[in-house]
Amino acid sequence: MTMPTADLTTQLTEQELVERWRAEELERAGYDPSAAAVLAASSSVDLHRAVDLLERGCPQAVALQILL
């Protein structure tokens, strides 16, 4: 038996919703999906700093080393 989509959505925790939003913002800033997911899942990573690093021209690999 499958659950309707609406039921699946309501089962997401607040933390999962926040991580999903953070990942979307990081991807929008230029991180690839896997890097964005790792950064989004780490509550110690400041989203604004992560975005700012790329906006200032920092390569993604270096930004990941700084942030993680």
PDB file of N, CA and C in Angstrom:
ATOM      1  N   MET A   1       0.839  -1.175   0.000  1.00  0.00           N
ATOM      2  CA  MET A   1       0.000   0.000   0.000  1.00  0.00           C
ATOM      3  C   MET A   1       0.886   1.241   0.000  1.00  0.00           C
ATOM      4  N   THR A   2       0.600   2.176  -0.889  1.00  0.00           N
ATOM      5  CA  THR A   2       1.392   3.395  -0.963  1.00  0.00           C
ATOM      6  C   THR A   2       0.673   4.542  -0.261  1.00  0.00           C
ATOM      7  N   MET A   3       1.478   5.486   0.230  1.00  0.00           N
ATOM      8  CA  MET A   3       0.913   6.651   0.908  1.00  0.00           C
ATOM      9  C   MET A   3       0.749   7.788  -0.092  1.00  0.00           C
ATOM     10  N   PRO A   4      -0.301   8.559   0.052  1.00  0.00           N
ATOM     11  CA  PRO A   4      -0.437   9.749  -0.797  1.00  0.00           C
ATOM     12  C   PRO A   4       0.718  10.709  -0.530  1.00  0.00           C
ATOM     13  N   THR A   5       1.062  11.503  -1.527  1.00  0.00           N
ATOM     14  CA  THR A   5       2.162  12.451  -1.406  1.00  0.00           C
ATOM     15  C   THR A   5       1.972  13.384  -0.215  1.00  0.00           C
ATOM     16  N   ALA A   6       0.772  13.833   0.029  1.00  0.00           N
ATOM     17  CA  ALA A   6       0.505  14.740   1.145  1.00  0.00           C
ATOM     18  C   ALA A   6       0.900  14.103   2.470  1.00  0.00           C
ATOM     19  N   ASP A   7       0.677  12.810   2.624  1.00  0.00           N
ATOM     20  CA  ASP A   7       1.039  12.121   3.856  1.00  0.00           C
ATOM     21  C   ASP A   7       2.556  12.034   4.018  1.00  0.00           C
ATOM     22  N   LEU A   8       3.268  11.844   2.932  1.00  0.00           N
ATOM     23  CA  LEU A   8       4.721  11.773   3.001  1.00  0.00           C
ATOM     24  C   LEU A   8       5.311  13.115   3.397  1.00  0.00           C
ATOM     25  N   THR A   9       4.758  14.191   2.886  1.00  0.00           N
ATOM     26  CA  THR A   9       5.245  15.528   3.188  1.00  0.00           C
ATOM     27  C   THR A   9       5.081  15.856   4.662  1.00  0.00           C
ATOM     28  N   THR A  10       3.982  15.476   5.256  1.00  0.00           N
ATOM     29  CA  THR A  10       3.746  15.802   6.653  1.00  0.00           C
ATOM     30  C   THR A  10       4.646  15.004   7.581  1.00  0.00           C
ATOM     31  N   GLN A  11       5.288  13.967   7.088  1.00  0.00           N
ATOM     32  CA  GLN A  11       6.155  13.154   7.922  1.00  0.00           C
ATOM     33  C   GLN A  11       7.573  13.715   8.026  1.00  0.00           C
ATOM     34  N   LEU A  12       7.905  14.729   7.240  1.00  0.00           N
ATOM     35  CA  LEU A  12       9.228  15.325   7.332  1.00  0.00           C
ATOM     36  C   LEU A  12       9.332  16.112   8.626  1.00  0.00           C
ATOM     37  N   THR A  13      10.463  15.981   9.290  1.00  0.00           N
ATOM     38  CA  THR A  13      10.671  16.734  10.518  1.00  0.00           C
ATOM     39  C   THR A  13      11.067  18.168  10.169  1.00  0.00           C
ATOM     40  N   GLU A  14      10.996  19.016  11.157  1.00  0.00           N
ATOM     41  CA  GLU A  14      11.401  20.404  10.944  1.00  0.00           C
ATOM     42  C   GLU A  14      12.869  20.468  10.529  1.00  0.00           C
ATOM     43  N   GLN A  15      13.701  19.646  11.135  1.00  0.00           N
ATOM     44  CA  GLN A  15      15.126  19.626  10.790  1.00  0.00           C
ATOM     45  C   GLN A  15      15.323  19.211   9.334  1.00  0.00           C
ATOM     46  N   GLU A  16      14.579  18.210   8.876  1.00  0.00           N
ATOM     47  CA  GLU A  16      14.687  17.779   7.477  1.00  0.00           C
ATOM     48  C   GLU A  16      14.259  18.892   6.533  1.00  0.00           C
ATOM     49  N   LEU A  17      13.220  19.608   6.884  1.00  0.00           N
ATOM     50  CA  LEU A  17      12.767  20.723   6.051  1.00  0.00           C
ATOM     51  C   LEU A  17      13.811  21.830   5.996  1.00  0.00           C
ATOM     52  N   VAL A  18      14.432  22.122   7.137  1.00  0.00           N
ATOM     53  CA  VAL A  18      15.474  23.147   7.188  1.00  0.00           C
ATOM     54  C   VAL A  18      16.673  22.712   6.362  1.00  0.00           C
ATOM     55  N   GLU A  19      17.097  21.462   6.497  1.00  0.00           N
ATOM     56  CA  GLU A  19      18.232  20.959   5.719  1.00  0.00           C
ATOM     57  C   GLU A  19      17.939  21.002   4.223  1.00  0.00           C
ATOM     58  N   ARG A  20      16.737  20.664   3.860  1.00  0.00           N
ATOM     59  CA  ARG A  20      16.345  20.702   2.447  1.00  0.00           C
ATOM     60  C   ARG A  20      16.419  22.136   1.909  1.00  0.00           C
ATOM     61  N   TRP A  21      15.906  23.082   2.698  1.00  0.00           N
ATOM     62  CA  TRP A  21      15.946  24.497   2.302  1.00  0.00           C
ATOM     63  C   TRP A  21      17.394  24.977   2.196  1.00  0.00           C
ATOM     64  N   ARG A  22      18.219  24.627   3.197  1.00  0.00           N
ATOM     65  CA  ARG A  22      19.627  25.040   3.175  1.00  0.00           C
ATOM     66  C   ARG A  22      20.333  24.481   1.935  1.00  0.00           C
ATOM     67  N   ALA A  23      20.079  23.228   1.614  1.00  0.00           N
ATOM     68  CA  ALA A  23      20.702  22.617   0.436  1.00  0.00           C
ATOM     69  C   ALA A  23      20.284  23.341  -0.840  1.00  0.00           C
ATOM     70  N   GLU A  24      19.014  23.690  -0.934  1.00  0.00           N
ATOM     71  CA  GLU A  24      18.535  24.421  -2.110  1.00  0.00           C
ATOM     72  C   GLU A  24      19.231  25.771  -2.230  1.00  0.00           C
ATOM     73  N   GLU A  25      19.383  26.475  -1.113  1.00  0.00           N
ATOM     74  CA  GLU A  25      20.058  27.775  -1.122  1.00  0.00           C
ATOM     75  C   GLU A  25      21.532  27.626  -1.514  1.00  0.00           C
ATOM     76  N   LEU A  26      22.170  26.597  -1.023  1.00  0.00           N
ATOM     77  CA  LEU A  26      23.575  26.369  -1.349  1.00  0.00           C
ATOM     78  C   LEU A  26      23.752  25.997  -2.819  1.00  0.00           C
ATOM     79  N   GLU A  27      22.848  25.206  -3.350  1.00  0.00           N
ATOM     80  CA  GLU A  27      22.901  24.876  -4.778  1.00  0.00           C
ATOM     81  C   GLU A  27      22.675  26.131  -5.618  1.00  0.00           C
ATOM     82  N   ARG A  28      21.735  26.949  -5.186  1.00  0.00           N
ATOM     83  CA  ARG A  28      21.460  28.200  -5.897  1.00  0.00           C
ATOM     84  C   ARG A  28      22.702  29.100  -5.911  1.00  0.00           C
ATOM     85  N   ALA A  29      23.496  29.023  -4.843  1.00  0.00           N
ATOM     86  CA  ALA A  29      24.713  29.828  -4.739  1.00  0.00           C
ATOM     87  C   ALA A  29      25.842  29.282  -5.614  1.00  0.00           C
ATOM     88  N   GLY A  30      25.734  27.988  -6.015  1.00  0.00           N
ATOM     89  CA  GLY A  30      26.737  27.435  -6.902  1.00  0.00           C
ATOM     90  C   GLY A  30      27.401  26.148  -6.449  1.00  0.00           C
ATOM     91  N   TYR A  31      27.030  25.638  -5.274  1.00  0.00           N
ATOM     92  CA  TYR A  31      27.575  24.356  -4.830  1.00  0.00           C
ATOM     93  C   TYR A  31      26.897  23.228  -5.605  1.00  0.00           C
ATOM     94  N   ASP A  32      27.667  22.164  -5.889  1.00  0.00           N
ATOM     95  CA  ASP A  32      27.033  21.019  -6.545  1.00  0.00           C
ATOM     96  C   ASP A  32      26.132  20.325  -5.523  1.00  0.00           C
ATOM     97  N   PRO A  33      25.165  19.537  -5.986  1.00  0.00           N
ATOM     98  CA  PRO A  33      24.184  18.932  -5.071  1.00  0.00           C
ATOM     99  C   PRO A  33      24.779  18.127  -3.919  1.00  0.00           C
ATOM    100  N   SER A  34      25.837  17.360  -4.171  1.00  0.00           N
ATOM    101  CA  SER A  34      26.393  16.550  -3.077  1.00  0.00           C
ATOM    102  C   SER A  34      27.087  17.428  -2.036  1.00  0.00           C
ATOM    103  N   ALA A  35      27.812  18.441  -2.466  1.00  0.00           N
ATOM    104  CA  ALA A  35      28.463  19.357  -1.522  1.00  0.00           C
ATOM    105  C   ALA A  35      27.412  20.143  -0.748  1.00  0.00           C
ATOM    106  N   ALA A  36      26.365  20.567  -1.439  1.00  0.00           N
ATOM    107  CA  ALA A  36      25.293  21.311  -0.779  1.00  0.00           C
ATOM    108  C   ALA A  36      24.625  20.466   0.296  1.00  0.00           C
ATOM    109  N   ALA A  37      24.424  19.188   0.015  1.00  0.00           N
ATOM    110  CA  ALA A  37      23.789  18.291   0.992  1.00  0.00           C
ATOM    111  C   ALA A  37      24.659  18.130   2.233  1.00  0.00           C
ATOM    112  N   VAL A  38      25.960  17.972   2.033  1.00  0.00           N
ATOM    113  CA  VAL A  38      26.879  17.821   3.167  1.00  0.00           C
ATOM    114  C   VAL A  38      26.885  19.087   4.014  1.00  0.00           C
ATOM    115  N   LEU A  39      26.999  20.233   3.368  1.00  0.00           N
ATOM    116  CA  LEU A  39      27.014  21.502   4.104  1.00  0.00           C
ATOM    117  C   LEU A  39      25.686  21.744   4.810  1.00  0.00           C
ATOM    118  N   ALA A  40      24.591  21.451   4.129  1.00  0.00           N
ATOM    119  CA  ALA A  40      23.263  21.683   4.706  1.00  0.00           C
ATOM    120  C   ALA A  40      23.028  20.834   5.946  1.00  0.00           C
ATOM    121  N   ALA A  41      23.585  19.646   5.963  1.00  0.00           N
ATOM    122  CA  ALA A  41      23.380  18.735   7.089  1.00  0.00           C
ATOM    123  C   ALA A  41      24.228  19.097   8.306  1.00  0.00           C
ATOM    124  N   SER A  42      25.224  19.936   8.094  1.00  0.00           N
ATOM    125  CA  SER A  42      26.107  20.317   9.202  1.00  0.00           C
ATOM    126  C   SER A  42      25.601  21.613   9.829  1.00  0.00           C
ATOM    127  N   SER A  43      25.073  21.507  11.032  1.00  0.00           N
ATOM    128  CA  SER A  43      24.516  22.686  11.698  1.00  0.00           C
ATOM    129  C   SER A  43      25.592  23.693  12.085  1.00  0.00           C
ATOM    130  N   SER A  44      26.859  23.286  12.077  1.00  0.00           N
ATOM    131  CA  SER A  44      27.936  24.217  12.424  1.00  0.00           C
ATOM    132  C   SER A  44      28.352  25.101  11.243  1.00  0.00           C
ATOM    133  N   VAL A  45      27.867  24.787  10.047  1.00  0.00           N
ATOM    134  CA  VAL A  45      28.202  25.578   8.862  1.00  0.00           C
ATOM    135  C   VAL A  45      27.238  26.756   8.749  1.00  0.00           C
ATOM    136  N   ASP A  46      27.812  27.952   8.716  1.00  0.00           N
ATOM    137  CA  ASP A  46      27.020  29.167   8.562  1.00  0.00           C
ATOM    138  C   ASP A  46      26.647  29.321   7.083  1.00  0.00           C
ATOM    139  N   LEU A  47      25.363  29.322   6.804  1.00  0.00           N
ATOM    140  CA  LEU A  47      24.869  29.393   5.430  1.00  0.00           C
ATOM    141  C   LEU A  47      25.366  30.656   4.729  1.00  0.00           C
ATOM    142  N   HIS A  48      25.291  31.791   5.408  1.00  0.00           N
ATOM    143  CA  HIS A  48      25.703  33.050   4.788  1.00  0.00           C
ATOM    144  C   HIS A  48      27.197  33.051   4.459  1.00  0.00           C
ATOM    145  N   ARG A  49      27.992  32.483   5.339  1.00  0.00           N
ATOM    146  CA  ARG A  49      29.434  32.402   5.075  1.00  0.00           C
ATOM    147  C   ARG A  49      29.705  31.490   3.883  1.00  0.00           C
ATOM    148  N   ALA A  50      28.994  30.372   3.818  1.00  0.00           N
ATOM    149  CA  ALA A  50      29.181  29.427   2.717  1.00  0.00           C
ATOM    150  C   ALA A  50      28.854  30.084   1.377  1.00  0.00           C
ATOM    151  N   VAL A  51      27.767  30.818   1.330  1.00  0.00           N
ATOM    152  CA  VAL A  51      27.371  31.504   0.103  1.00  0.00           C
ATOM    153  C   VAL A  51      28.376  32.606  -0.232  1.00  0.00           C
ATOM    154  N   ASP A  52      28.776  33.362   0.787  1.00  0.00           N
ATOM    155  CA  ASP A  52      29.701  34.472   0.593  1.00  0.00           C
ATOM    156  C   ASP A  52      31.035  34.010   0.013  1.00  0.00           C
ATOM    157  N   LEU A  53      31.511  32.863   0.460  1.00  0.00           N
ATOM    158  CA  LEU A  53      32.782  32.362  -0.058  1.00  0.00           C
ATOM    159  C   LEU A  53      32.729  32.187  -1.580  1.00  0.00           C
ATOM    160  N   LEU A  54      31.662  31.594  -2.074  1.00  0.00           N
ATOM    161  CA  LEU A  54      31.556  31.402  -3.528  1.00  0.00           C
ATOM    162  C   LEU A  54      31.357  32.731  -4.249  1.00  0.00           C
ATOM    163  N   GLU A  55      30.566  33.619  -3.653  1.00  0.00           N
ATOM    164  CA  GLU A  55      30.333  34.927  -4.274  1.00  0.00           C
ATOM    165  C   GLU A  55      31.625  35.728  -4.406  1.00  0.00           C
ATOM    166  N   ARG A  56      32.566  35.485  -3.504  1.00  0.00           N
ATOM    167  CA  ARG A  56      33.855  36.189  -3.542  1.00  0.00           C
ATOM    168  C   ARG A  56      34.877  35.479  -4.426  1.00  0.00           C
ATOM    169  N   GLY A  57      34.450  34.406  -5.089  1.00  0.00           N
ATOM    170  CA  GLY A  57      35.315  33.721  -6.038  1.00  0.00           C
ATOM    171  C   GLY A  57      36.099  32.545  -5.489  1.00  0.00           C
ATOM    172  N   CYS A  58      35.809  32.135  -4.287  1.00  0.00           N
ATOM    173  CA  CYS A  58      36.500  30.994  -3.691  1.00  0.00           C
ATOM    174  C   CYS A  58      36.064  29.719  -4.425  1.00  0.00           C
ATOM    175  N   PRO A  59      37.013  28.890  -4.854  1.00  0.00           N
ATOM    176  CA  PRO A  59      36.636  27.627  -5.485  1.00  0.00           C
ATOM    177  C   PRO A  59      35.879  26.741  -4.485  1.00  0.00           C
ATOM    178  N   GLN A  60      34.949  25.961  -4.988  1.00  0.00           N
ATOM    179  CA  GLN A  60      34.136  25.118  -4.122  1.00  0.00           C
ATOM    180  C   GLN A  60      34.980  24.205  -3.236  1.00  0.00           C
ATOM    181  N   ALA A  61      36.003  23.590  -3.788  1.00  0.00           N
ATOM    182  CA  ALA A  61      36.833  22.663  -3.014  1.00  0.00           C
ATOM    183  C   ALA A  61      37.487  23.369  -1.823  1.00  0.00           C
ATOM    184  N   VAL A  62      37.948  24.592  -2.041  1.00  0.00           N
ATOM    185  CA  VAL A  62      38.574  25.360  -0.965  1.00  0.00           C
ATOM    186  C   VAL A  62      37.520  25.789   0.045  1.00  0.00           C
ATOM    187  N   ALA A  63      36.360  26.203  -0.431  1.00  0.00           N
ATOM    188  CA  ALA A  63      35.266  26.596   0.471  1.00  0.00           C
ATOM    189  C   ALA A  63      34.886  25.435   1.380  1.00  0.00           C
ATOM    190  N   LEU A  64      34.820  24.231   0.830  1.00  0.00           N
ATOM    191  CA  LEU A  64      34.495  23.054   1.634  1.00  0.00           C
ATOM    192  C   LEU A  64      35.551  22.802   2.709  1.00  0.00           C
ATOM    193  N   GLN A  65      36.813  22.981   2.368  1.00  0.00           N
ATOM    194  CA  GLN A  65      37.890  22.802   3.350  1.00  0.00           C
ATOM    195  C   GLN A  65      37.761  23.838   4.465  1.00  0.00           C
ATOM    196  N   ILE A  66      37.426  25.058   4.124  1.00  0.00           N
ATOM    197  CA  ILE A  66      37.282  26.125   5.122  1.00  0.00           C
ATOM    198  C   ILE A  66      36.093  25.841   6.019  1.00  0.00           C
ATOM    199  N   LEU A  67      34.969  25.459   5.423  1.00  0.00           N
ATOM    200  CA  LEU A  67      33.730  25.312   6.168  1.00  0.00           C
ATOM    201  C   LEU A  67      33.658  24.029   6.986  1.00  0.00           C
ATOM    202  N   LEU A  68      34.287  22.990   6.508  1.00  0.00           N
ATOM    203  CA  LEU A  68      34.207  21.695   7.203  1.00  0.00           C
ATOM    204  C   LEU A  68      35.497  21.454   7.949  1.00  0.00           C
TER     205      LEU A  68
END
